[in-house]
Amino acid sequence: MALRTAGSVLVVFLWSVTVVLGQDGWSVTYTTQSICALKGSTVEMSCSYTYPRGHTITTTFWFTKMYAGENYVSLSDDPDYKGRVTYRKDKENGHTLSITDLRESDSATYMFRFTDQTGGWRYTGNPGVTLSVTGLQVKWIVGFWYNTLTCITTCTLTDNPTYIWYRNGHKVKDATSSSYPDSFSDADSYSCAVKGHEDFYSPALCQNCWSVTYTHQSICALKGSTVDISCSYTYPSYHEIKKAFWFTKWSDMDAEDLSSVPGYESHIEYLGDKENDCTLRITDLRLSDSAGYRFRLITSGDKFAGSPVSLTVIDLQVKITTSLLSRWVTLNCGTCTLTDNPTYIWYRNGHKVKEDPSRLYSAYISDTDSYSCAVKGHENLHSPALCRVEYAGEKERGHSTLRLTDLREEDSAEYRFIFTTQTSRWGYSFPGTTLTVTGLQVRFKDPTNIIEGKCLHLFCESICFLQDNPSYIWYKNGQRLIRHETKYLILDPVSSEDAGRYSCAVENHEDHPSPEETLTVTYKPRSTSVSVCPSGGIVEGSSVTLTCSSDANPPVDKYTLYKKMSIKHSGQIYTIHNISSEDRGEYYCEAKNEVGAEISKRVTVNVLYQPKTTSVSVSPSGEIVEGSSVTLTCNSDANPPVDKYTWYKKNVTSPKASGQS
């Protein structure tokens, strides 16, 4: 089975309604009769049950499906719920169902069933609990004085939730109402979420702008599994999608389509469309797939790329934390939290001892026991076994070696060897070996003020001097950087291409890298341009939209549109309704952020209009003597210029001449 990513945990507890169903001493009491929960979240449904004396209950389960002959399918055995369902007995006769990573297809009626030891007595709590799973969606309602945004669900969320509104990814409002009336710019994007569950926000709604919205900004997945990076996008409605793709690198001043990168051909699948879905699937994950993934779309009018999604691919590895006062330890399976809420399996000396949704396992252990872990459904990908303390040596020859694995900073201490003879113990008074355990850490000066074009030094730091003058390894977005073997990484000059997650390790200890530090490079606006829609000639009286675009970090906070040297508009989009000949001319845009500014090239708006202010001039003017010459000239303002003039004499229908004079 492929291991997929899913949302973080949102648990819905509802204790307000008691539904008792039963007869003759058999009953099921549900704590609620209906639940509305968010897509991607986790829901819990609880009940208690009773039965007559003299019976022993041996089987309990929840179900939604029943086949012929009262063949009920427990959710734990249902392929549609595999890996997402857990049962928990809360008390003597209490039972709780938990479903993670909710999908809209999970909307159903859930019933609890139990049987006694004979199998002859069976009881189902009918009608059960109705679960409705909904996503969030923003709807734009146009009003006379103002517009209204509404955060829509397909069912009514309980507990009167507070809605959170975002504009261009930034929180702008909390409200108990799902409606948000105001004056909204069609150049901004809007999304909503429910307070306390901000991970499950709606796709962004944008009338006339660019946006890429990811379900998760960071994903942790298991090597060998499959991951779906879900996202949605918007673009101006008058543009047409020409190409949409994912990338991790830039090549020749543009993004490099992953589908054309060697090694990815049969490894990725684009599940999106040319409307608003841009989901990417990566199968058979490799450690080298750890990177920042970005979605890019190219339209008939411009290009746009979303911010990166951080994907970390891991091998499972057992880490250990011990108590200073006892053998009580906590084992940790993995270096990051897998985002699909898997079930972890723990092994001691090769034998399974526990299954649990948590990647932590606490117990009293022996130093000679070995422990390993795996993820349910991927037992063939279990971690190496960990045995923390080992002794080696020969008593007869007077040699002894202590080996400590999975070192941590708490192991820093003086270690002494003690040996016992028939009459006494020796070693207390002799000096031991001082061990200092250090981690690695990436540091760079003033991380909040890294501007493109400057020189930047990154340092791989430790709290003590490592022996043997080791070589260092640097990683960016999980991928090793070639030809950087010192503890200093110099980026001179630093550019936006250098932005990403950096870590370092010591050669031959690559499995103990430093935590990742994110490098964000700011730069002034670039590739600033103005697009005109419709392009080409524009007929007088119609509408035209000028859109200013730019690439900048932080994003552009001010766009100014100029005609010649005069300011025409402040904002990214300028629409001229009922355009006239006075609006023709050259336009350009200035984009600014806190780092700097850039001015675009000029574009020409060409307005087409029929001849107007047409007039006839006579030369010479005044009285004209019979027999002399006179010239009549026809003048008119038009675009394109007048291509035919025709002369008429008053009260005469047939033309007198053709031409301007």
Foldseek 3Di string as FASTA:
>chain_A
DFDEFFADEDEDDAQCDWDWDDDPFWIKIWSDAEAEEEARYKYKTKIFITHDPPWAWDDKAKFFDADPPRRTDGLCRDPVQDQFWDWDADDDGMIMIMGGRHDQVPFGFMKMKIATPVNPDIDIHPPHHGYGYWAWDWDWADDDVWIKIFTDIPDDHPPQWWKWKDKQRHTDDIGSHRMDIDHDDLAIWMKMDTPPPVLRIYAIDHAAYWAKAWSAQEAEEEAQHKYKTWIWIDHHPVWFWDDKAKAQAADPNGGDGQCPDPPCVVFKDFPADRHIIGMIMGGNHDQQPFGWMKMKIQIPWGIDIHGTRGYGYDQWAWAKDQDPVAQKIKIAIDDDDGRRQFWKWKDKQRHTDDIGSHRIDIDRDDLQIWMKMDTPVPVVRIYDIDRAWDKDDDPVVPDIDIDGPNDDQVPFDFDWDWDDDPPGIDIPPDGGDGDGDWAWDKDWPPLVDAEAQCKTKIFTDIPDDDPPQFWKWKDFSSHTDPPRTHRIDIPHGDHQSRFGWMWMDTPVVVVRIHGTDTRGYWYWWDPWAKTKPPDDEAEAQAKIKIFIDTDGVVAFPWKFKDFPNHTDDIDGMDMDGRHDPVPWGWMKMWTGDPHGIDIYDIDTHHYFYDWDPKDKDKPPDDDDDPPDDIDIFIDTDGVVDDPKDWADDPPDDDTPDIDGD
